[in-house]
Amino acid sequence: MSAEKPATKMFIQIVRELRGIIQDEEIPPGGKIPSERVLAERLNVGRSSIREALRSLELLGLIETRRGGGTFVADFNNHQLVEVLAMFILQEEKDIRNVQAARMIIERDAIRIVAEDEVLRNLPVWESLLTNVIMNGKIEREDVMREIMIASQNRLVLKIWILLKQYSNEPYKNQSTAEEQPIIKMFLSELMLGHTQKAIVAFEEWAALLHKGRE
């Protein structure tokens, strides 16, 4: 496997190779899979790439890591819905735009849930994030969307979002820019006011700016 492949394609290939190892070696639920070092050597990729792929599979409930014991295949019978969704995403060559669109559908719905719930939209985390933007002029982009996804209180959707985010070339990587500051301020302000549509419009404007910056 070439170590020079784009990050997303490499991630997909690593996941497929891992699945192939589990199938070819007939590793049963509860069975131990090779270590990061061994997998890195067998697949000819860096250990950090292996670690990221394993982390994603663990978040999906397909493998589990035991401190000091290694990594094991999870009992899929306990995660049937997650498994079906995960295998659909991980096994198909999805057009990147379709993956981004799916991620944004989930994000819009999470924004709607938070904005329309008085308790959720008044959580102190939003004021803290807004203050951070105003005082520092920047913020970790992922902090904003991660908190919204967590606040929407759907663990399964959170797991899927994490995977889709990675397949979207990590759109929220790094800190925000000065150009993003007023948009993020508007987004958080409208969210806290419960103005659902205005919050979604601000979010979409932010997303468009991030997409433009990656072109």
N, C-alpha and C. Protein backbone atom coordinates (compact mmCIF):
# COMPACT_ATOMS: atom_id res chain seq x y z
N MET A 1 0.85 -1.20 0.00
CA MET A 1 0.00 0.00 0.00
C MET A 1 0.88 1.24 0.00
N SER A 2 0.65 2.16 -0.90
CA SER A 2 1.47 3.35 -0.99
C SER A 2 1.20 4.28 0.16
N ALA A 3 2.26 4.79 0.81
CA ALA A 3 2.12 5.71 1.92
C ALA A 3 1.84 7.12 1.43
N GLU A 4 1.82 7.32 0.09
CA GLU A 4 1.65 8.64 -0.46
C GLU A 4 0.21 8.90 -0.91
N LYS A 5 -0.70 7.98 -0.64
CA LYS A 5 -2.09 8.18 -1.03
C LYS A 5 -2.69 9.30 -0.21
N PRO A 6 -3.69 10.04 -0.76
CA PRO A 6 -4.39 11.04 0.03
C PRO A 6 -4.94 10.42 1.30
N ALA A 7 -5.05 11.23 2.35
CA ALA A 7 -5.41 10.71 3.67
C ALA A 7 -6.72 9.93 3.66
N THR A 8 -7.74 10.46 2.98
CA THR A 8 -9.04 9.78 2.99
C THR A 8 -8.97 8.43 2.31
N LYS A 9 -8.33 8.36 1.13
CA LYS A 9 -8.22 7.09 0.43
C LYS A 9 -7.39 6.10 1.24
N MET A 10 -6.35 6.59 1.90
CA MET A 10 -5.53 5.71 2.71
C MET A 10 -6.35 5.13 3.86
N PHE A 11 -7.16 5.99 4.48
CA PHE A 11 -8.00 5.53 5.59
C PHE A 11 -8.95 4.43 5.13
N ILE A 12 -9.61 4.65 3.99
CA ILE A 12 -10.54 3.65 3.46
C ILE A 12 -9.81 2.34 3.19
N GLN A 13 -8.63 2.45 2.59
CA GLN A 13 -7.87 1.25 2.26
C GLN A 13 -7.44 0.49 3.51
N ILE A 14 -7.01 1.22 4.53
CA ILE A 14 -6.59 0.58 5.78
C ILE A 14 -7.76 -0.18 6.40
N VAL A 15 -8.93 0.46 6.43
CA VAL A 15 -10.11 -0.19 7.00
C VAL A 15 -10.44 -1.46 6.23
N ARG A 16 -10.35 -1.40 4.92
CA ARG A 16 -10.63 -2.59 4.10
C ARG A 16 -9.62 -3.70 4.37
N GLU A 17 -8.35 -3.30 4.49
CA GLU A 17 -7.31 -4.29 4.77
C GLU A 17 -7.53 -4.94 6.13
N LEU A 18 -7.92 -4.13 7.11
CA LEU A 18 -8.20 -4.67 8.45
C LEU A 18 -9.36 -5.65 8.41
N ARG A 19 -10.39 -5.27 7.67
CA ARG A 19 -11.55 -6.17 7.55
C ARG A 19 -11.13 -7.47 6.87
N GLY A 20 -10.26 -7.35 5.85
CA GLY A 20 -9.77 -8.55 5.17
C GLY A 20 -8.98 -9.45 6.09
N ILE A 21 -8.15 -8.85 6.95
CA ILE A 21 -7.36 -9.64 7.90
C ILE A 21 -8.27 -10.40 8.85
N ILE A 22 -9.29 -9.70 9.36
CA ILE A 22 -10.23 -10.33 10.29
C ILE A 22 -10.95 -11.50 9.62
N GLN A 23 -11.34 -11.30 8.36
CA GLN A 23 -12.05 -12.37 7.64
C GLN A 23 -11.11 -13.51 7.25
N ASP A 24 -9.96 -13.17 6.68
CA ASP A 24 -9.03 -14.20 6.19
C ASP A 24 -8.49 -15.06 7.33
N GLU A 25 -8.22 -14.42 8.45
CA GLU A 25 -7.66 -15.16 9.59
C GLU A 25 -8.75 -15.70 10.51
N GLU A 26 -10.01 -15.45 10.09
CA GLU A 26 -11.17 -15.96 10.82
C GLU A 26 -11.09 -15.62 12.31
N ILE A 27 -10.82 -14.35 12.57
CA ILE A 27 -10.76 -13.89 13.96
C ILE A 27 -12.19 -13.71 14.45
N PRO A 28 -12.60 -14.44 15.46
CA PRO A 28 -14.00 -14.41 15.92
C PRO A 28 -14.25 -13.22 16.84
N PRO A 29 -15.52 -12.90 17.12
CA PRO A 29 -15.82 -11.88 18.13
C PRO A 29 -15.11 -12.22 19.44
N GLY A 30 -14.41 -11.25 19.98
CA GLY A 30 -13.63 -11.49 21.18
C GLY A 30 -12.20 -11.87 20.89
N GLY A 31 -11.91 -12.17 19.60
CA GLY A 31 -10.55 -12.55 19.22
C GLY A 31 -9.66 -11.33 19.08
N LYS A 32 -8.38 -11.53 19.32
CA LYS A 32 -7.42 -10.43 19.30
C LYS A 32 -6.91 -10.20 17.88
N ILE A 33 -6.82 -8.92 17.49
CA ILE A 33 -6.26 -8.59 16.18
C ILE A 33 -4.80 -8.17 16.35
N PRO A 34 -4.01 -8.19 15.28
CA PRO A 34 -2.60 -7.83 15.39
C PRO A 34 -2.40 -6.43 15.98
N SER A 35 -1.24 -6.21 16.56
CA SER A 35 -0.93 -4.93 17.19
C SER A 35 -0.74 -3.83 16.15
N GLU A 36 -0.72 -2.58 16.61
CA GLU A 36 -0.49 -1.45 15.71
C GLU A 36 0.81 -1.63 14.94
N ARG A 37 1.85 -2.04 15.65
CA ARG A 37 3.16 -2.19 15.01
C ARG A 37 3.12 -3.24 13.90
N VAL A 38 2.50 -4.38 14.21
CA VAL A 38 2.42 -5.46 13.23
C VAL A 38 1.58 -5.03 12.02
N LEU A 39 0.45 -4.37 12.29
CA LEU A 39 -0.41 -3.91 11.19
C LEU A 39 0.31 -2.89 10.32
N ALA A 40 1.05 -1.98 10.96
CA ALA A 40 1.78 -0.96 10.20
C ALA A 40 2.81 -1.62 9.28
N GLU A 41 3.47 -2.65 9.78
CA GLU A 41 4.47 -3.35 8.97
C GLU A 41 3.81 -4.14 7.84
N ARG A 42 2.71 -4.81 8.15
CA ARG A 42 2.04 -5.63 7.14
C ARG A 42 1.41 -4.79 6.04
N LEU A 43 0.87 -3.62 6.42
CA LEU A 43 0.18 -2.78 5.44
C LEU A 43 1.07 -1.68 4.87
N ASN A 44 2.29 -1.59 5.41
CA ASN A 44 3.27 -0.62 4.91
C ASN A 44 2.77 0.82 5.02
N VAL A 45 2.22 1.15 6.20
CA VAL A 45 1.77 2.52 6.47
C VAL A 45 2.26 2.92 7.86
N GLY A 46 2.14 4.20 8.17
CA GLY A 46 2.57 4.68 9.47
C GLY A 46 1.65 4.22 10.59
N ARG A 47 2.20 4.11 11.78
CA ARG A 47 1.40 3.67 12.93
C ARG A 47 0.30 4.67 13.26
N SER A 48 0.54 5.96 12.99
CA SER A 48 -0.49 6.96 13.27
C SER A 48 -1.73 6.72 12.40
N SER A 49 -1.52 6.30 11.15
CA SER A 49 -2.64 6.00 10.26
C SER A 49 -3.41 4.78 10.75
N ILE A 50 -2.68 3.76 11.20
CA ILE A 50 -3.31 2.57 11.77
C ILE A 50 -4.11 2.94 13.01
N ARG A 51 -3.51 3.77 13.85
CA ARG A 51 -4.17 4.16 15.11
C ARG A 51 -5.47 4.89 14.84
N GLU A 52 -5.48 5.78 13.84
CA GLU A 52 -6.68 6.54 13.52
C GLU A 52 -7.78 5.63 12.99
N ALA A 53 -7.41 4.66 12.16
CA ALA A 53 -8.40 3.72 11.62
C ALA A 53 -8.99 2.87 12.75
N LEU A 54 -8.14 2.40 13.65
CA LEU A 54 -8.61 1.60 14.78
C LEU A 54 -9.53 2.42 15.69
N ARG A 55 -9.17 3.68 15.88
CA ARG A 55 -9.99 4.55 16.73
C ARG A 55 -11.39 4.72 16.14
N SER A 56 -11.47 4.90 14.83
CA SER A 56 -12.77 5.06 14.18
C SER A 56 -13.60 3.79 14.31
N LEU A 57 -12.97 2.64 14.11
CA LEU A 57 -13.69 1.37 14.24
C LEU A 57 -14.15 1.14 15.67
N GLU A 58 -13.33 1.59 16.62
CA GLU A 58 -13.72 1.44 18.02
C GLU A 58 -14.91 2.33 18.36
N LEU A 59 -14.91 3.56 17.85
CA LEU A 59 -16.03 4.46 18.08
C LEU A 59 -17.33 3.90 17.51
N LEU A 60 -17.20 3.12 16.44
CA LEU A 60 -18.37 2.50 15.83
C LEU A 60 -18.79 1.21 16.54
N GLY A 61 -18.00 0.80 17.53
CA GLY A 61 -18.34 -0.40 18.28
C GLY A 61 -17.97 -1.68 17.59
N LEU A 62 -17.10 -1.62 16.56
CA LEU A 62 -16.74 -2.82 15.81
C LEU A 62 -15.52 -3.52 16.38
N ILE A 63 -14.69 -2.79 17.11
CA ILE A 63 -13.57 -3.39 17.83
C ILE A 63 -13.53 -2.75 19.21
N GLU A 64 -12.79 -3.33 20.11
CA GLU A 64 -12.64 -2.75 21.45
C GLU A 64 -11.20 -2.90 21.91
N THR A 65 -10.72 -1.87 22.58
CA THR A 65 -9.35 -1.87 23.08
C THR A 65 -9.37 -2.07 24.59
N ARG A 66 -8.56 -2.99 25.06
CA ARG A 66 -8.45 -3.25 26.49
C ARG A 66 -7.08 -2.81 26.96
N ARG A 67 -7.08 -1.95 27.96
CA ARG A 67 -5.83 -1.39 28.45
C ARG A 67 -4.85 -2.51 28.83
N GLY A 68 -3.70 -2.47 28.19
CA GLY A 68 -2.68 -3.47 28.48
C GLY A 68 -2.94 -4.83 27.87
N GLY A 69 -4.07 -4.97 27.16
CA GLY A 69 -4.42 -6.28 26.63
C GLY A 69 -4.44 -6.37 25.12
N GLY A 70 -4.54 -5.22 24.45
CA GLY A 70 -4.58 -5.22 22.99
C GLY A 70 -5.94 -4.84 22.45
N THR A 71 -6.16 -5.12 21.18
CA THR A 71 -7.40 -4.76 20.49
C THR A 71 -8.11 -6.02 20.03
N PHE A 72 -9.43 -6.04 20.23
CA PHE A 72 -10.21 -7.25 19.98
C PHE A 72 -11.42 -6.95 19.11
N VAL A 73 -11.85 -7.96 18.35
CA VAL A 73 -13.07 -7.84 17.55
C VAL A 73 -14.26 -7.82 18.49
N ALA A 74 -15.14 -6.84 18.32
CA ALA A 74 -16.31 -6.74 19.19
C ALA A 74 -17.37 -7.76 18.79
N ASP A 75 -18.31 -7.98 19.68
CA ASP A 75 -19.44 -8.86 19.39
C ASP A 75 -20.44 -8.06 18.56
N PHE A 76 -20.45 -8.28 17.24
CA PHE A 76 -21.30 -7.49 16.35
C PHE A 76 -22.78 -7.65 16.66
N ASN A 77 -23.15 -8.75 17.30
CA ASN A 77 -24.57 -8.96 17.61
C ASN A 77 -25.09 -7.88 18.55
N ASN A 78 -24.18 -7.26 19.29
CA ASN A 78 -24.58 -6.20 20.20
C ASN A 78 -24.60 -4.84 19.52
N HIS A 79 -24.19 -4.79 18.26
CA HIS A 79 -24.09 -3.51 17.57
C HIS A 79 -24.62 -3.63 16.14
N GLN A 80 -25.75 -4.31 15.96
CA GLN A 80 -26.19 -4.63 14.60
C GLN A 80 -26.45 -3.39 13.76
N LEU A 81 -27.14 -2.39 14.31
CA LEU A 81 -27.44 -1.20 13.52
C LEU A 81 -26.17 -0.44 13.19
N VAL A 82 -25.31 -0.27 14.18
CA VAL A 82 -24.05 0.42 13.95
C VAL A 82 -23.23 -0.32 12.91
N GLU A 83 -23.23 -1.65 12.98
CA GLU A 83 -22.44 -2.45 12.03
C GLU A 83 -22.93 -2.24 10.61
N VAL A 84 -24.25 -2.30 10.43
CA VAL A 84 -24.80 -2.15 9.08
C VAL A 84 -24.44 -0.78 8.51
N LEU A 85 -24.63 0.26 9.30
CA LEU A 85 -24.31 1.61 8.83
C LEU A 85 -22.82 1.76 8.56
N ALA A 86 -22.02 1.23 9.47
CA ALA A 86 -20.57 1.35 9.32
C ALA A 86 -20.07 0.63 8.09
N MET A 87 -20.52 -0.60 7.89
CA MET A 87 -20.05 -1.37 6.74
C MET A 87 -20.50 -0.74 5.43
N PHE A 88 -21.70 -0.13 5.44
CA PHE A 88 -22.18 0.55 4.23
C PHE A 88 -21.24 1.71 3.88
N ILE A 89 -20.88 2.49 4.89
CA ILE A 89 -20.02 3.64 4.67
C ILE A 89 -18.60 3.21 4.33
N LEU A 90 -18.10 2.22 5.06
CA LEU A 90 -16.69 1.87 4.94
C LEU A 90 -16.37 1.05 3.70
N GLN A 91 -17.36 0.39 3.12
CA GLN A 91 -17.07 -0.51 2.02
C GLN A 91 -17.36 0.08 0.65
N GLU A 92 -18.00 1.23 0.58
CA GLU A 92 -18.35 1.82 -0.70
C GLU A 92 -17.45 3.02 -1.01
N GLU A 93 -17.10 3.16 -2.29
CA GLU A 93 -16.33 4.33 -2.73
C GLU A 93 -17.32 5.49 -2.94
N LYS A 94 -17.55 6.23 -1.89
CA LYS A 94 -18.53 7.32 -1.95
C LYS A 94 -17.90 8.57 -2.53
N ASP A 95 -18.67 9.22 -3.37
CA ASP A 95 -18.25 10.52 -3.86
C ASP A 95 -18.16 11.47 -2.67
N ILE A 96 -17.07 12.23 -2.60
CA ILE A 96 -16.83 13.06 -1.43
C ILE A 96 -17.95 14.07 -1.21
N ARG A 97 -18.58 14.53 -2.27
CA ARG A 97 -19.68 15.49 -2.11
C ARG A 97 -20.88 14.85 -1.43
N ASN A 98 -21.13 13.58 -1.72
CA ASN A 98 -22.24 12.88 -1.08
C ASN A 98 -21.98 12.70 0.41
N VAL A 99 -20.74 12.42 0.75
CA VAL A 99 -20.38 12.26 2.16
C VAL A 99 -20.54 13.59 2.89
N GLN A 100 -20.08 14.67 2.27
CA GLN A 100 -20.22 15.99 2.87
C GLN A 100 -21.69 16.36 3.05
N ALA A 101 -22.51 16.03 2.05
CA ALA A 101 -23.94 16.34 2.14
C ALA A 101 -24.59 15.57 3.27
N ALA A 102 -24.22 14.29 3.43
CA ALA A 102 -24.78 13.48 4.51
C ALA A 102 -24.37 14.04 5.86
N ARG A 103 -23.12 14.47 5.97
CA ARG A 103 -22.64 15.05 7.23
C ARG A 103 -23.42 16.32 7.57
N MET A 104 -23.66 17.15 6.56
CA MET A 104 -24.35 18.41 6.82
C MET A 104 -25.82 18.21 7.17
N ILE A 105 -26.44 17.16 6.64
CA ILE A 105 -27.82 16.85 7.03
C ILE A 105 -27.87 16.55 8.52
N ILE A 106 -26.91 15.76 8.99
CA ILE A 106 -26.84 15.43 10.41
C ILE A 106 -26.58 16.68 11.24
N GLU A 107 -25.69 17.53 10.76
CA GLU A 107 -25.34 18.74 11.51
C GLU A 107 -26.52 19.72 11.58
N ARG A 108 -27.22 19.89 10.47
CA ARG A 108 -28.40 20.78 10.48
C ARG A 108 -29.44 20.29 11.48
N ASP A 109 -29.66 18.99 11.50
CA ASP A 109 -30.66 18.44 12.40
C ASP A 109 -30.24 18.63 13.86
N ALA A 110 -28.95 18.47 14.14
CA ALA A 110 -28.45 18.69 15.50
C ALA A 110 -28.63 20.15 15.91
N ILE A 111 -28.37 21.06 14.99
CA ILE A 111 -28.56 22.49 15.27
C ILE A 111 -30.03 22.77 15.57
N ARG A 112 -30.92 22.18 14.78
CA ARG A 112 -32.35 22.36 15.00
C ARG A 112 -32.77 21.85 16.38
N ILE A 113 -32.27 20.67 16.75
CA ILE A 113 -32.61 20.08 18.05
C ILE A 113 -32.18 21.01 19.19
N VAL A 114 -30.96 21.52 19.10
CA VAL A 114 -30.44 22.40 20.16
C VAL A 114 -31.21 23.71 20.20
N ALA A 115 -31.41 24.34 19.04
CA ALA A 115 -32.05 25.65 18.99
C ALA A 115 -33.50 25.61 19.47
N GLU A 116 -34.18 24.50 19.23
CA GLU A 116 -35.60 24.42 19.57
C GLU A 116 -35.86 23.89 20.98
N ASP A 117 -34.80 23.54 21.69
CA ASP A 117 -34.95 23.05 23.06
C ASP A 117 -34.41 24.11 24.02
N GLU A 118 -35.26 24.65 24.87
CA GLU A 118 -34.87 25.75 25.75
C GLU A 118 -33.71 25.38 26.67
N VAL A 119 -33.73 24.16 27.17
CA VAL A 119 -32.65 23.72 28.06
C VAL A 119 -31.33 23.61 27.31
N LEU A 120 -31.37 22.98 26.13
CA LEU A 120 -30.15 22.76 25.36
C LEU A 120 -29.54 24.06 24.85
N ARG A 121 -30.38 24.98 24.39
CA ARG A 121 -29.82 26.22 23.83
C ARG A 121 -29.31 27.16 24.92
N ASN A 122 -29.65 26.87 26.18
CA ASN A 122 -29.15 27.69 27.29
C ASN A 122 -28.01 27.03 28.06
N LEU A 123 -27.45 25.98 27.49
CA LEU A 123 -26.29 25.36 28.11
C LEU A 123 -25.14 26.37 28.15
N PRO A 124 -24.38 26.41 29.23
CA PRO A 124 -23.30 27.41 29.36
C PRO A 124 -22.19 27.27 28.33
N VAL A 125 -22.10 26.12 27.67
CA VAL A 125 -21.02 25.91 26.71
C VAL A 125 -21.10 26.89 25.54
N TRP A 126 -22.32 27.29 25.14
CA TRP A 126 -22.45 28.20 23.99
C TRP A 126 -21.91 29.59 24.33
N GLU A 127 -22.23 30.07 25.52
CA GLU A 127 -21.72 31.36 25.96
C GLU A 127 -20.20 31.32 26.08
N SER A 128 -19.69 30.19 26.55
CA SER A 128 -18.24 30.03 26.68
C SER A 128 -17.56 30.07 25.31
N LEU A 129 -18.14 29.37 24.34
CA LEU A 129 -17.58 29.37 22.99
C LEU A 129 -17.65 30.76 22.36
N LEU A 130 -18.77 31.43 22.55
CA LEU A 130 -18.94 32.78 21.99
C LEU A 130 -17.94 33.75 22.60
N THR A 131 -17.76 33.67 23.91
CA THR A 131 -16.78 34.52 24.59
C THR A 131 -15.38 34.27 24.06
N ASN A 132 -15.08 33.01 23.82
CA ASN A 132 -13.77 32.63 23.29
C ASN A 132 -13.53 33.28 21.93
N VAL A 133 -14.55 33.25 21.08
CA VAL A 133 -14.43 33.86 19.74
C VAL A 133 -14.22 35.36 19.86
N ILE A 134 -15.01 36.00 20.73
CA ILE A 134 -14.95 37.46 20.87
C ILE A 134 -13.62 37.90 21.48
N MET A 135 -13.18 37.21 22.53
CA MET A 135 -11.97 37.62 23.25
C MET A 135 -10.70 37.26 22.49
N ASN A 136 -10.68 36.09 21.87
CA ASN A 136 -9.45 35.62 21.22
C ASN A 136 -9.45 35.81 19.71
N GLY A 137 -10.62 36.08 19.15
CA GLY A 137 -10.70 36.27 17.70
C GLY A 137 -10.60 34.98 16.91
N LYS A 138 -10.56 33.86 17.60
CA LYS A 138 -10.49 32.57 16.92
C LYS A 138 -10.92 31.48 17.89
N ILE A 139 -11.16 30.30 17.33
CA ILE A 139 -11.62 29.17 18.14
C ILE A 139 -11.29 27.89 17.39
N GLU A 140 -11.16 26.81 18.13
CA GLU A 140 -11.00 25.51 17.47
C GLU A 140 -12.33 25.17 16.80
N ARG A 141 -12.32 25.07 15.49
CA ARG A 141 -13.57 24.84 14.76
C ARG A 141 -14.32 23.62 15.26
N GLU A 142 -13.57 22.55 15.48
CA GLU A 142 -14.24 21.30 15.85
C GLU A 142 -14.93 21.40 17.20
N ASP A 143 -14.43 22.27 18.09
CA ASP A 143 -15.07 22.44 19.40
C ASP A 143 -16.53 22.83 19.24
N VAL A 144 -16.80 23.70 18.28
CA VAL A 144 -18.16 24.19 18.07
C VAL A 144 -19.09 23.07 17.64
N MET A 145 -18.72 22.37 16.56
CA MET A 145 -19.61 21.35 16.02
C MET A 145 -19.67 20.11 16.91
N ARG A 146 -18.56 19.78 17.55
CA ARG A 146 -18.58 18.62 18.45
C ARG A 146 -19.55 18.85 19.61
N GLU A 147 -19.53 20.05 20.18
CA GLU A 147 -20.43 20.35 21.30
C GLU A 147 -21.89 20.32 20.85
N ILE A 148 -22.15 20.77 19.64
CA ILE A 148 -23.52 20.73 19.13
C ILE A 148 -23.98 19.28 18.94
N MET A 149 -23.10 18.45 18.39
CA MET A 149 -23.46 17.05 18.19
C MET A 149 -23.67 16.34 19.52
N ILE A 150 -22.83 16.63 20.50
CA ILE A 150 -22.99 16.02 21.82
C ILE A 150 -24.28 16.49 22.48
N ALA A 151 -24.57 17.80 22.36
CA ALA A 151 -25.76 18.36 22.99
C ALA A 151 -27.05 17.80 22.39
N SER A 152 -27.00 17.35 21.14
CA SER A 152 -28.21 16.81 20.51
C SER A 152 -28.60 15.45 21.08
N GLN A 153 -27.70 14.86 21.88
CA GLN A 153 -28.01 13.71 22.73
C GLN A 153 -28.40 12.45 21.97
N ASN A 154 -27.70 12.19 20.88
CA ASN A 154 -27.91 10.94 20.14
C ASN A 154 -26.54 10.32 19.90
N ARG A 155 -26.21 9.33 20.69
CA ARG A 155 -24.87 8.76 20.65
C ARG A 155 -24.58 8.07 19.32
N LEU A 156 -25.56 7.40 18.76
CA LEU A 156 -25.36 6.72 17.48
C LEU A 156 -25.05 7.72 16.38
N VAL A 157 -25.83 8.80 16.34
CA VAL A 157 -25.60 9.84 15.33
C VAL A 157 -24.22 10.48 15.53
N LEU A 158 -23.82 10.65 16.78
CA LEU A 158 -22.49 11.20 17.07
C LEU A 158 -21.40 10.32 16.48
N LYS A 159 -21.55 9.01 16.62
CA LYS A 159 -20.56 8.08 16.07
C LYS A 159 -20.50 8.18 14.54
N ILE A 160 -21.68 8.23 13.93
CA ILE A 160 -21.73 8.33 12.47
C ILE A 160 -21.12 9.65 12.01
N TRP A 161 -21.42 10.73 12.74
CA TRP A 161 -20.88 12.05 12.40
C TRP A 161 -19.36 12.05 12.44
N ILE A 162 -18.78 11.42 13.45
CA ILE A 162 -17.32 11.36 13.57
C ILE A 162 -16.72 10.69 12.34
N LEU A 163 -17.35 9.62 11.89
CA LEU A 163 -16.86 8.91 10.71
C LEU A 163 -17.03 9.74 9.45
N LEU A 164 -18.21 10.34 9.27
CA LEU A 164 -18.45 11.17 8.09
C LEU A 164 -17.52 12.37 8.06
N LYS A 165 -17.23 12.92 9.21
CA LYS A 165 -16.31 14.06 9.30
C LYS A 165 -14.94 13.67 8.78
N GLN A 166 -14.51 12.48 9.14
CA GLN A 166 -13.20 12.02 8.68
C GLN A 166 -13.20 11.79 7.17
N TYR A 167 -14.30 11.24 6.65
CA TYR A 167 -14.40 11.01 5.21
C TYR A 167 -14.54 12.31 4.44
N SER A 168 -14.87 13.40 5.15
CA SER A 168 -15.00 14.72 4.51
C SER A 168 -13.70 15.50 4.58
N ASN A 169 -12.60 14.78 4.80
CA ASN A 169 -11.28 15.43 4.90
C ASN A 169 -11.19 16.40 6.06
N GLU A 170 -11.82 16.03 7.18
CA GLU A 170 -11.74 16.81 8.42
C GLU A 170 -11.98 18.30 8.17
N PRO A 171 -13.22 18.69 7.84
CA PRO A 171 -13.52 20.08 7.51
C PRO A 171 -13.29 21.06 8.66
N TYR A 172 -13.31 20.57 9.90
CA TYR A 172 -13.18 21.47 11.04
C TYR A 172 -11.79 21.45 11.66
N LYS A 173 -10.84 20.95 10.90
CA LYS A 173 -9.46 20.92 11.40
C LYS A 173 -8.93 22.35 11.55
N ASN A 174 -8.13 22.56 12.57
CA ASN A 174 -7.44 23.83 12.82
C ASN A 174 -8.37 24.90 13.41
N GLN A 175 -7.78 26.03 13.71
CA GLN A 175 -8.53 27.14 14.31
C GLN A 175 -9.21 27.98 13.23
N SER A 176 -10.22 28.71 13.66
CA SER A 176 -10.94 29.58 12.73
C SER A 176 -10.08 30.76 12.33
N THR A 177 -10.44 31.38 11.22
CA THR A 177 -9.72 32.55 10.72
C THR A 177 -10.51 33.82 11.07
N ALA A 178 -9.88 34.97 10.82
CA ALA A 178 -10.55 36.24 11.08
C ALA A 178 -11.81 36.38 10.22
N GLU A 179 -11.77 35.84 9.01
CA GLU A 179 -12.92 35.92 8.12
C GLU A 179 -14.11 35.14 8.66
N GLU A 180 -13.83 34.07 9.39
CA GLU A 180 -14.90 33.24 9.94
C GLU A 180 -15.52 33.83 11.21
N GLN A 181 -14.79 34.69 11.91
CA GLN A 181 -15.21 35.15 13.22
C GLN A 181 -16.63 35.71 13.27
N PRO A 182 -17.01 36.67 12.40
CA PRO A 182 -18.38 37.20 12.49
C PRO A 182 -19.45 36.16 12.19
N ILE A 183 -19.13 35.20 11.32
CA ILE A 183 -20.12 34.17 10.98
C ILE A 183 -20.34 33.24 12.17
N ILE A 184 -19.25 32.84 12.81
CA ILE A 184 -19.37 31.95 13.98
C ILE A 184 -20.09 32.66 15.11
N LYS A 185 -19.80 33.96 15.31
CA LYS A 185 -20.49 34.74 16.34
C LYS A 185 -21.99 34.78 16.07
N MET A 186 -22.36 35.02 14.82
CA MET A 186 -23.77 35.05 14.46
C MET A 186 -24.41 33.68 14.67
N PHE A 187 -23.71 32.65 14.25
CA PHE A 187 -24.21 31.28 14.39
C PHE A 187 -24.52 30.96 15.85
N LEU A 188 -23.57 31.20 16.74
CA LEU A 188 -23.76 30.89 18.15
C LEU A 188 -24.83 31.78 18.78
N SER A 189 -24.85 33.04 18.39
CA SER A 189 -25.85 33.98 18.94
C SER A 189 -27.26 33.56 18.57
N GLU A 190 -27.48 33.23 17.30
CA GLU A 190 -28.81 32.82 16.84
C GLU A 190 -29.20 31.48 17.47
N LEU A 191 -28.22 30.61 17.67
CA LEU A 191 -28.50 29.33 18.32
C LEU A 191 -29.02 29.56 19.73
N MET A 192 -28.36 30.42 20.48
CA MET A 192 -28.76 30.67 21.87
C MET A 192 -30.11 31.38 21.95
N LEU A 193 -30.44 32.16 20.93
CA LEU A 193 -31.72 32.86 20.91
C LEU A 193 -32.87 31.95 20.47
N GLY A 194 -32.51 30.77 19.99
CA GLY A 194 -33.54 29.84 19.54
C GLY A 194 -34.06 30.16 18.15
N HIS A 195 -33.30 30.95 17.40
CA HIS A 195 -33.68 31.28 16.02
C HIS A 195 -33.14 30.19 15.09
N THR A 196 -33.89 29.13 14.98
CA THR A 196 -33.41 27.94 14.28
C THR A 196 -32.96 28.22 12.86
N GLN A 197 -33.82 28.84 12.06
CA GLN A 197 -33.50 29.04 10.65
C GLN A 197 -32.32 29.96 10.47
N LYS A 198 -32.25 31.02 11.28
CA LYS A 198 -31.12 31.95 11.17
C LYS A 198 -29.81 31.27 11.57
N ALA A 199 -29.88 30.39 12.58
CA ALA A 199 -28.69 29.66 13.00
C ALA A 199 -28.22 28.73 11.88
N ILE A 200 -29.17 28.06 11.22
CA ILE A 200 -28.82 27.15 10.14
C ILE A 200 -28.24 27.91 8.95
N VAL A 201 -28.81 29.08 8.64
CA VAL A 201 -28.28 29.90 7.55
C VAL A 201 -26.85 30.32 7.84
N ALA A 202 -26.58 30.73 9.08
CA ALA A 202 -25.21 31.12 9.46
C ALA A 202 -24.27 29.93 9.38
N PHE A 203 -24.75 28.77 9.82
CA PHE A 203 -23.94 27.55 9.73
C PHE A 203 -23.60 27.23 8.27
N GLU A 204 -24.58 27.34 7.39
CA GLU A 204 -24.34 27.04 5.98
C GLU A 204 -23.37 28.03 5.36
N GLU A 205 -23.44 29.28 5.79
CA GLU A 205 -22.49 30.28 5.30
C GLU A 205 -21.08 29.93 5.76
N TRP A 206 -20.97 29.50 7.00
CA TRP A 206 -19.67 29.07 7.54
C TRP A 206 -19.14 27.86 6.77
N ALA A 207 -20.03 26.88 6.54
CA ALA A 207 -19.63 25.67 5.82
C ALA A 207 -19.15 26.00 4.40
N ALA A 208 -19.85 26.93 3.74
CA ALA A 208 -19.46 27.33 2.39
C ALA A 208 -18.09 28.00 2.38
N LEU A 209 -17.82 28.79 3.41
CA LEU A 209 -16.52 29.45 3.52
C LEU A 209 -15.41 28.43 3.74
N LEU A 210 -15.68 27.43 4.58
CA LEU A 210 -14.68 26.38 4.82
C LEU A 210 -14.42 25.58 3.54
N HIS A 211 -15.49 25.30 2.81
CA HIS A 211 -15.34 24.54 1.56
C HIS A 211 -14.53 25.34 0.54
N LYS A 212 -14.80 26.63 0.46
CA LYS A 212 -14.06 27.49 -0.46
C LYS A 212 -12.58 27.51 -0.11
N GLY A 213 -12.29 27.50 1.19
CA GLY A 213 -10.90 27.54 1.63
C GLY A 213 -10.13 26.28 1.33
N ARG A 214 -10.84 25.16 1.09
CA ARG A 214 -10.17 23.89 0.79
C ARG A 214 -10.01 23.65 -0.70
N GLU A 215 -10.63 24.50 -1.51
CA GLU A 215 -10.55 24.29 -2.97
C GLU A 215 -9.18 24.70 -3.51
